[in-house]
Amino acid sequence: MDEEQVGRDGFAFEGNWRDYAPIAFTNLALTIVTLGFYRFWATTRTRRYLWANTRFIDDQLEWTGTGKELFVGFLMVLVLVGIPFMFIQFGAQALILQGLSLIHI
């Protein structure tokens, strides 16, 4: 690859839509069939293709993440944000309905 193709910042993308189309259509179909559950693995396949076809100077990039890691991260955020939100949403309303007003409006 000569310097004109790489560009000023050293990045170059060598992929094309014909290589990516089967990945995208498979990801779409599986995401629809699994009602969105497959989206973590679809994201991983997409990133793996995009990173593998991206060069920085003379080095090819590599995505090493997995769909399972993304899914576990999602579950952790769901627990860390979801539980306090559920308490604020439902627990505070239950306390107010019982007459134990902790929040004065």
C-alpha atoms as a PDB file:
ATOM      1  CA  MET A   1       0.000   0.000   0.000  1.00  0.00           C
ATOM      2  CA  ASP A   2       1.504   3.333  -0.980  1.00  0.00           C
ATOM      3  CA  GLU A   3       1.374   6.528   1.068  1.00  0.00           C
ATOM      4  CA  GLU A   4      -1.271   8.192  -1.113  1.00  0.00           C
ATOM      5  CA  GLN A   5      -3.879   5.554  -0.185  1.00  0.00           C
ATOM      6  CA  VAL A   6      -3.202   5.693   3.548  1.00  0.00           C
ATOM      7  CA  GLY A   7      -3.996   9.369   3.957  1.00  0.00           C
ATOM      8  CA  ARG A   8      -2.572  12.067   6.171  1.00  0.00           C
ATOM      9  CA  ASP A   9      -3.486  10.549   9.519  1.00  0.00           C
ATOM     10  CA  GLY A  10      -2.235   7.052   8.670  1.00  0.00           C
ATOM     11  CA  PHE A  11      -5.622   5.301   8.636  1.00  0.00           C
ATOM     12  CA  ALA A  12      -6.981   3.332   5.678  1.00  0.00           C
ATOM     13  CA  PHE A  13     -10.044   1.114   5.297  1.00  0.00           C
ATOM     14  CA  GLU A  14      -9.684  -1.812   2.906  1.00  0.00           C
ATOM     15  CA  GLY A  15     -13.131  -3.432   3.139  1.00  0.00           C
ATOM     16  CA  ASN A  16     -16.111  -3.089   0.832  1.00  0.00           C
ATOM     17  CA  TRP A  17     -19.843  -3.466   1.093  1.00  0.00           C
ATOM     18  CA  ARG A  18     -19.905  -6.780  -0.784  1.00  0.00           C
ATOM     19  CA  ASP A  19     -17.836  -8.409   1.952  1.00  0.00           C
ATOM     20  CA  TYR A  20     -19.867  -6.779   4.708  1.00  0.00           C
ATOM     21  CA  ALA A  21     -23.372  -7.376   3.281  1.00  0.00           C
ATOM     22  CA  PRO A  22     -23.620 -11.074   4.309  1.00  0.00           C
ATOM     23  CA  ILE A  23     -22.544 -10.164   7.836  1.00  0.00           C
ATOM     24  CA  ALA A  24     -25.079  -7.337   8.041  1.00  0.00           C
ATOM     25  CA  PHE A  25     -27.987  -9.400   6.671  1.00  0.00           C
ATOM     26  CA  THR A  26     -27.206 -12.354   8.924  1.00  0.00           C
ATOM     27  CA  ASN A  27     -26.975 -10.038  11.929  1.00  0.00           C
ATOM     28  CA  LEU A  28     -30.288  -8.414  11.029  1.00  0.00           C
ATOM     29  CA  ALA A  29     -32.081 -11.728  10.554  1.00  0.00           C
ATOM     30  CA  LEU A  30     -30.760 -13.243  13.776  1.00  0.00           C
ATOM     31  CA  THR A  31     -31.505 -10.079  15.758  1.00  0.00           C
ATOM     32  CA  ILE A  32     -35.110 -10.133  14.526  1.00  0.00           C
ATOM     33  CA  VAL A  33     -35.552 -13.873  15.152  1.00  0.00           C
ATOM     34  CA  THR A  34     -34.113 -13.651  18.680  1.00  0.00           C
ATOM     35  CA  LEU A  35     -36.050 -10.444  19.465  1.00  0.00           C
ATOM     36  CA  GLY A  36     -32.881  -8.411  19.933  1.00  0.00           C
ATOM     37  CA  PHE A  37     -31.005 -10.881  22.107  1.00  0.00           C
ATOM     38  CA  TYR A  38     -28.411 -11.523  19.340  1.00  0.00           C
ATOM     39  CA  ARG A  39     -27.443  -7.857  19.056  1.00  0.00           C
ATOM     40  CA  PHE A  40     -24.372  -8.258  21.283  1.00  0.00           C
ATOM     41  CA  TRP A  41     -22.935 -10.953  19.032  1.00  0.00           C
ATOM     42  CA  ALA A  42     -23.965  -8.958  15.943  1.00  0.00           C
ATOM     43  CA  THR A  43     -22.039  -5.968  17.270  1.00  0.00           C
ATOM     44  CA  THR A  44     -19.012  -8.196  17.796  1.00  0.00           C
ATOM     45  CA  ARG A  45     -19.153  -9.574  14.241  1.00  0.00           C
ATOM     46  CA  THR A  46     -19.506  -6.077  12.807  1.00  0.00           C
ATOM     47  CA  ARG A  47     -16.647  -4.667  14.851  1.00  0.00           C
ATOM     48  CA  ARG A  48     -14.429  -7.635  14.038  1.00  0.00           C
ATOM     49  CA  TYR A  49     -14.973  -7.062  10.302  1.00  0.00           C
ATOM     50  CA  LEU A  50     -14.488  -3.301  10.493  1.00  0.00           C
ATOM     51  CA  TRP A  51     -11.364  -3.500  12.640  1.00  0.00           C
ATOM     52  CA  ALA A  52      -9.829  -6.313  10.575  1.00  0.00           C
ATOM     53  CA  ASN A  53     -10.157  -4.201   7.430  1.00  0.00           C
ATOM     54  CA  THR A  54      -8.747  -1.027   8.978  1.00  0.00           C
ATOM     55  CA  ARG A  55      -5.052  -0.246   8.837  1.00  0.00           C
ATOM     56  CA  PHE A  56      -3.057   2.226  10.850  1.00  0.00           C
ATOM     57  CA  ILE A  57       0.171   2.937   8.990  1.00  0.00           C
ATOM     58  CA  ASP A  58       1.332  -0.685   8.433  1.00  0.00           C
ATOM     59  CA  ASP A  59      -0.532  -2.435  11.242  1.00  0.00           C
ATOM     60  CA  GLN A  60      -3.907  -4.072  10.882  1.00  0.00           C
ATOM     61  CA  LEU A  61      -6.281  -3.525  13.804  1.00  0.00           C
ATOM     62  CA  GLU A  62      -7.869  -6.409  15.684  1.00  0.00           C
ATOM     63  CA  TRP A  63     -11.078  -6.596  17.716  1.00  0.00           C
ATOM     64  CA  THR A  64     -10.717  -9.125  20.524  1.00  0.00           C
ATOM     65  CA  GLY A  65     -14.014  -8.590  22.339  1.00  0.00           C
ATOM     66  CA  THR A  66     -16.785 -11.177  22.448  1.00  0.00           C
ATOM     67  CA  GLY A  67     -20.545 -11.019  22.437  1.00  0.00           C
ATOM     68  CA  LYS A  68     -20.597 -12.643  25.852  1.00  0.00           C
ATOM     69  CA  GLU A  69     -18.480  -9.806  27.287  1.00  0.00           C
ATOM     70  CA  LEU A  70     -20.869  -7.217  25.863  1.00  0.00           C
ATOM     71  CA  PHE A  71     -23.859  -9.145  27.223  1.00  0.00           C
ATOM     72  CA  VAL A  72     -22.346  -9.438  30.714  1.00  0.00           C
ATOM     73  CA  GLY A  73     -21.549  -5.702  30.663  1.00  0.00           C
ATOM     74  CA  PHE A  74     -25.145  -4.977  29.700  1.00  0.00           C
ATOM     75  CA  LEU A  75     -26.419  -7.115  32.579  1.00  0.00           C
ATOM     76  CA  MET A  76     -24.108  -5.340  35.027  1.00  0.00           C
ATOM     77  CA  VAL A  77     -25.354  -1.917  33.935  1.00  0.00           C
ATOM     78  CA  LEU A  78     -28.930  -3.176  34.073  1.00  0.00           C
ATOM     79  CA  VAL A  79     -28.430  -4.268  37.688  1.00  0.00           C
ATOM     80  CA  LEU A  80     -26.452  -1.202  38.782  1.00  0.00           C
ATOM     81  CA  VAL A  81     -28.857   1.276  37.188  1.00  0.00           C
ATOM     82  CA  GLY A  82     -32.057  -0.760  37.108  1.00  0.00           C
ATOM     83  CA  ILE A  83     -32.325  -1.639  40.794  1.00  0.00           C
ATOM     84  CA  PRO A  84     -31.944   1.952  42.064  1.00  0.00           C
ATOM     85  CA  PHE A  85     -34.326   3.162  39.351  1.00  0.00           C
ATOM     86  CA  MET A  86     -36.921   0.545  40.282  1.00  0.00           C
ATOM     87  CA  PHE A  87     -36.645   1.544  43.937  1.00  0.00           C
ATOM     88  CA  ILE A  88     -37.080   5.214  43.121  1.00  0.00           C
ATOM     89  CA  GLN A  89     -39.945   4.510  40.746  1.00  0.00           C
ATOM     90  CA  PHE A  90     -41.923   2.004  42.781  1.00  0.00           C
ATOM     91  CA  GLY A  91     -40.511   2.058  46.306  1.00  0.00           C
ATOM     92  CA  ALA A  92     -40.859   5.804  46.785  1.00  0.00           C
ATOM     93  CA  GLN A  93     -44.386   5.735  45.404  1.00  0.00           C
ATOM     94  CA  ALA A  94     -45.316   2.927  47.803  1.00  0.00           C
ATOM     95  CA  LEU A  95     -43.905   4.890  50.752  1.00  0.00           C
ATOM     96  CA  ILE A  96     -45.817   7.989  49.712  1.00  0.00           C
ATOM     97  CA  LEU A  97     -49.046   6.021  49.382  1.00  0.00           C
ATOM     98  CA  GLN A  98     -48.536   4.615  52.882  1.00  0.00           C
ATOM     99  CA  GLY A  99     -48.098   8.104  54.286  1.00  0.00           C
ATOM    100  CA  LEU A 100     -44.366   7.857  54.964  1.00  0.00           C
ATOM    101  CA  SER A 101     -43.426  10.834  52.850  1.00  0.00           C
ATOM    102  CA  LEU A 102     -39.641  11.067  52.664  1.00  0.00           C
ATOM    103  CA  ILE A 103     -39.736  13.566  49.844  1.00  0.00           C
ATOM    104  CA  HIS A 104     -41.546  16.833  50.494  1.00  0.00           C
ATOM    105  CA  ILE A 105     -42.816  18.375  47.306  1.00  0.00           C
END
